[in-house]
């Protein structure tokens, strides 16, 4: 599995756990909803700046919490 797929799956997993829509996370992150869809489905090579927006603003968690999963071990 590519790193893009792993990141997308983790974003989707956390978004669903928090009961958020793609649109809500995109709005909080100041990104487009269609961009969020592409990221979650591993079709977009996301920049570190966009990843920071999604993790910190959109999901409102830390980087360590985001990467604290077996997928990134």
N, C-alpha and C. Protein backbone atom coordinates (compact mmCIF):
# COMPACT_ATOMS: atom_id res chain seq x y z
N UNK A 1 0.85 -1.18 0.00
CA UNK A 1 0.00 0.00 0.00
C UNK A 1 0.89 1.24 0.00
N UNK A 2 0.55 2.23 -0.81
CA UNK A 2 1.35 3.45 -0.91
C UNK A 2 1.12 4.35 0.30
N UNK A 3 2.04 5.26 0.51
CA UNK A 3 1.90 6.21 1.62
C UNK A 3 0.66 7.08 1.42
N UNK A 4 0.34 7.40 0.17
CA UNK A 4 -0.87 8.19 -0.12
C UNK A 4 -2.11 7.44 0.35
N UNK A 5 -2.16 6.14 0.08
CA UNK A 5 -3.30 5.33 0.50
C UNK A 5 -3.39 5.25 2.02
N UNK A 6 -2.24 5.07 2.68
CA UNK A 6 -2.23 4.98 4.13
C UNK A 6 -2.70 6.27 4.78
N UNK A 7 -2.23 7.39 4.27
CA UNK A 7 -2.64 8.69 4.83
C UNK A 7 -4.12 8.91 4.59
N UNK A 8 -4.58 8.62 3.39
CA UNK A 8 -6.00 8.78 3.08
C UNK A 8 -6.90 7.93 3.96
N UNK A 9 -6.51 6.67 4.15
CA UNK A 9 -7.30 5.77 5.01
C UNK A 9 -7.33 6.27 6.45
N UNK A 10 -6.19 6.79 6.93
CA UNK A 10 -6.13 7.27 8.31
C UNK A 10 -7.00 8.52 8.48
N UNK A 11 -6.96 9.42 7.52
CA UNK A 11 -7.81 10.62 7.58
C UNK A 11 -9.28 10.21 7.63
N UNK A 12 -9.66 9.30 6.75
CA UNK A 12 -11.06 8.86 6.70
C UNK A 12 -11.46 8.18 8.01
N UNK A 13 -10.59 7.31 8.52
CA UNK A 13 -10.87 6.60 9.77
C UNK A 13 -11.11 7.59 10.92
N UNK A 14 -10.24 8.58 11.06
CA UNK A 14 -10.38 9.55 12.15
C UNK A 14 -11.58 10.47 11.93
N UNK A 15 -11.83 10.84 10.68
CA UNK A 15 -12.98 11.69 10.37
C UNK A 15 -14.28 11.00 10.76
N UNK A 16 -14.39 9.73 10.43
CA UNK A 16 -15.61 8.96 10.76
C UNK A 16 -15.74 8.79 12.27
N UNK A 17 -14.62 8.48 12.94
CA UNK A 17 -14.64 8.36 14.41
C UNK A 17 -15.17 9.63 15.07
N UNK A 18 -14.83 10.78 14.50
CA UNK A 18 -15.24 12.05 15.06
C UNK A 18 -16.63 12.49 14.58
N UNK A 19 -17.23 11.70 13.70
CA UNK A 19 -18.56 12.01 13.19
C UNK A 19 -18.59 13.22 12.28
N UNK A 20 -17.51 13.43 11.53
CA UNK A 20 -17.41 14.58 10.64
C UNK A 20 -17.59 14.17 9.19
N UNK A 21 -18.12 15.07 8.40
CA UNK A 21 -18.22 14.85 6.96
C UNK A 21 -16.93 15.34 6.30
N UNK A 22 -16.73 14.93 5.06
CA UNK A 22 -15.59 15.45 4.30
C UNK A 22 -15.70 16.96 4.18
N UNK A 23 -16.91 17.42 3.97
CA UNK A 23 -17.14 18.86 3.82
C UNK A 23 -16.75 19.61 5.10
N UNK A 24 -17.08 19.07 6.26
CA UNK A 24 -16.75 19.73 7.52
C UNK A 24 -15.24 19.80 7.73
N UNK A 25 -14.55 18.70 7.45
CA UNK A 25 -13.09 18.70 7.60
C UNK A 25 -12.45 19.65 6.59
N UNK A 26 -12.95 19.63 5.36
CA UNK A 26 -12.43 20.54 4.33
C UNK A 26 -12.63 21.99 4.73
N UNK A 27 -13.80 22.31 5.25
CA UNK A 27 -14.09 23.69 5.66
C UNK A 27 -13.16 24.13 6.78
N UNK A 28 -13.00 23.28 7.80
CA UNK A 28 -12.10 23.60 8.91
C UNK A 28 -10.66 23.76 8.44
N UNK A 29 -10.29 22.99 7.42
CA UNK A 29 -8.92 22.98 6.90
C UNK A 29 -8.67 24.04 5.85
N UNK A 30 -9.74 24.72 5.44
CA UNK A 30 -9.68 25.72 4.37
C UNK A 30 -9.22 25.08 3.05
N UNK A 31 -9.77 23.90 2.79
CA UNK A 31 -9.50 23.17 1.56
C UNK A 31 -10.81 22.81 0.88
N UNK A 32 -10.75 22.44 -0.38
CA UNK A 32 -11.94 22.08 -1.14
C UNK A 32 -12.39 20.66 -0.78
N UNK A 33 -13.70 20.43 -0.75
CA UNK A 33 -14.23 19.11 -0.42
C UNK A 33 -13.80 18.06 -1.43
N UNK A 34 -13.75 18.40 -2.69
CA UNK A 34 -13.33 17.42 -3.69
C UNK A 34 -11.86 17.04 -3.49
N UNK A 35 -11.05 18.00 -3.03
CA UNK A 35 -9.66 17.71 -2.70
C UNK A 35 -9.61 16.67 -1.58
N UNK A 36 -10.45 16.86 -0.56
CA UNK A 36 -10.52 15.92 0.56
C UNK A 36 -10.87 14.52 0.06
N UNK A 37 -11.82 14.44 -0.85
CA UNK A 37 -12.22 13.15 -1.40
C UNK A 37 -11.04 12.47 -2.09
N UNK A 38 -10.30 13.23 -2.88
CA UNK A 38 -9.15 12.68 -3.59
C UNK A 38 -8.06 12.22 -2.62
N UNK A 39 -7.86 12.99 -1.55
CA UNK A 39 -6.86 12.62 -0.54
C UNK A 39 -7.27 11.33 0.15
N UNK A 40 -8.51 11.26 0.60
CA UNK A 40 -8.98 10.06 1.31
C UNK A 40 -8.91 8.81 0.45
N UNK A 41 -9.06 8.97 -0.84
CA UNK A 41 -9.03 7.82 -1.74
C UNK A 41 -7.66 7.56 -2.36
N UNK A 42 -6.63 8.26 -1.85
CA UNK A 42 -5.26 8.03 -2.29
C UNK A 42 -4.97 8.47 -3.70
N UNK A 43 -5.80 9.35 -4.24
CA UNK A 43 -5.62 9.81 -5.62
C UNK A 43 -4.90 11.15 -5.70
N UNK A 44 -4.45 11.64 -4.56
CA UNK A 44 -3.81 12.95 -4.53
C UNK A 44 -2.52 12.88 -3.74
N UNK A 45 -1.44 13.43 -4.28
CA UNK A 45 -0.17 13.52 -3.58
C UNK A 45 -0.22 14.80 -2.75
N UNK A 46 -0.50 14.67 -1.49
CA UNK A 46 -0.78 15.80 -0.62
C UNK A 46 0.53 16.45 -0.13
N UNK A 47 0.53 17.77 -0.05
CA UNK A 47 1.69 18.49 0.48
C UNK A 47 1.69 18.43 2.00
N UNK A 48 2.83 18.68 2.59
CA UNK A 48 2.92 18.72 4.05
C UNK A 48 2.07 19.84 4.62
N UNK A 49 1.98 20.96 3.92
CA UNK A 49 1.15 22.08 4.39
C UNK A 49 -0.32 21.68 4.44
N UNK A 50 -0.79 21.01 3.40
CA UNK A 50 -2.19 20.57 3.37
C UNK A 50 -2.43 19.49 4.42
N UNK A 51 -1.47 18.59 4.60
CA UNK A 51 -1.61 17.56 5.61
C UNK A 51 -1.70 18.18 7.00
N UNK A 52 -0.90 19.19 7.26
CA UNK A 52 -0.96 19.88 8.55
C UNK A 52 -2.32 20.53 8.76
N UNK A 53 -2.87 21.15 7.73
CA UNK A 53 -4.20 21.77 7.83
C UNK A 53 -5.26 20.72 8.17
N UNK A 54 -5.20 19.58 7.49
CA UNK A 54 -6.20 18.53 7.71
C UNK A 54 -6.08 17.96 9.12
N UNK A 55 -4.85 17.64 9.54
CA UNK A 55 -4.65 17.01 10.85
C UNK A 55 -4.96 17.99 11.98
N UNK A 56 -4.32 19.15 11.94
CA UNK A 56 -4.42 20.08 13.07
C UNK A 56 -5.71 20.89 13.10
N UNK A 57 -6.14 21.38 11.94
CA UNK A 57 -7.35 22.22 11.90
C UNK A 57 -8.60 21.40 11.61
N UNK A 58 -8.51 20.53 10.62
CA UNK A 58 -9.68 19.77 10.22
C UNK A 58 -10.09 18.71 11.22
N UNK A 59 -9.13 17.89 11.64
CA UNK A 59 -9.42 16.81 12.59
C UNK A 59 -9.17 17.22 14.03
N UNK A 60 -8.46 18.32 14.20
CA UNK A 60 -8.13 18.88 15.52
C UNK A 60 -7.43 17.87 16.42
N UNK A 61 -6.39 17.26 15.86
CA UNK A 61 -5.54 16.33 16.62
C UNK A 61 -4.08 16.68 16.35
N UNK A 62 -3.18 16.04 17.06
CA UNK A 62 -1.75 16.27 16.87
C UNK A 62 -1.20 15.30 15.81
N UNK A 63 -0.02 15.64 15.30
CA UNK A 63 0.65 14.75 14.36
C UNK A 63 0.95 13.40 15.01
N UNK A 64 1.36 13.42 16.28
CA UNK A 64 1.69 12.16 16.94
C UNK A 64 0.46 11.27 17.06
N UNK A 65 -0.70 11.86 17.33
CA UNK A 65 -1.93 11.07 17.40
C UNK A 65 -2.29 10.51 16.02
N UNK A 66 -2.10 11.33 14.99
CA UNK A 66 -2.42 10.90 13.63
C UNK A 66 -1.57 9.70 13.22
N UNK A 67 -0.27 9.78 13.49
CA UNK A 67 0.64 8.72 13.05
C UNK A 67 0.77 7.58 14.04
N UNK A 68 0.05 7.65 15.16
CA UNK A 68 0.12 6.59 16.17
C UNK A 68 -0.83 5.45 15.79
N UNK A 69 -0.44 4.73 14.78
CA UNK A 69 -1.22 3.59 14.29
C UNK A 69 -0.28 2.57 13.66
N UNK A 70 -0.70 1.35 13.59
CA UNK A 70 0.14 0.27 13.05
C UNK A 70 0.53 0.52 11.61
N UNK A 71 -0.30 1.25 10.84
CA UNK A 71 0.00 1.52 9.43
C UNK A 71 1.31 2.27 9.25
N UNK A 72 1.70 3.05 10.25
CA UNK A 72 2.91 3.86 10.13
C UNK A 72 4.05 3.36 10.99
N UNK A 73 3.90 2.16 11.54
CA UNK A 73 4.95 1.60 12.39
C UNK A 73 6.09 1.04 11.58
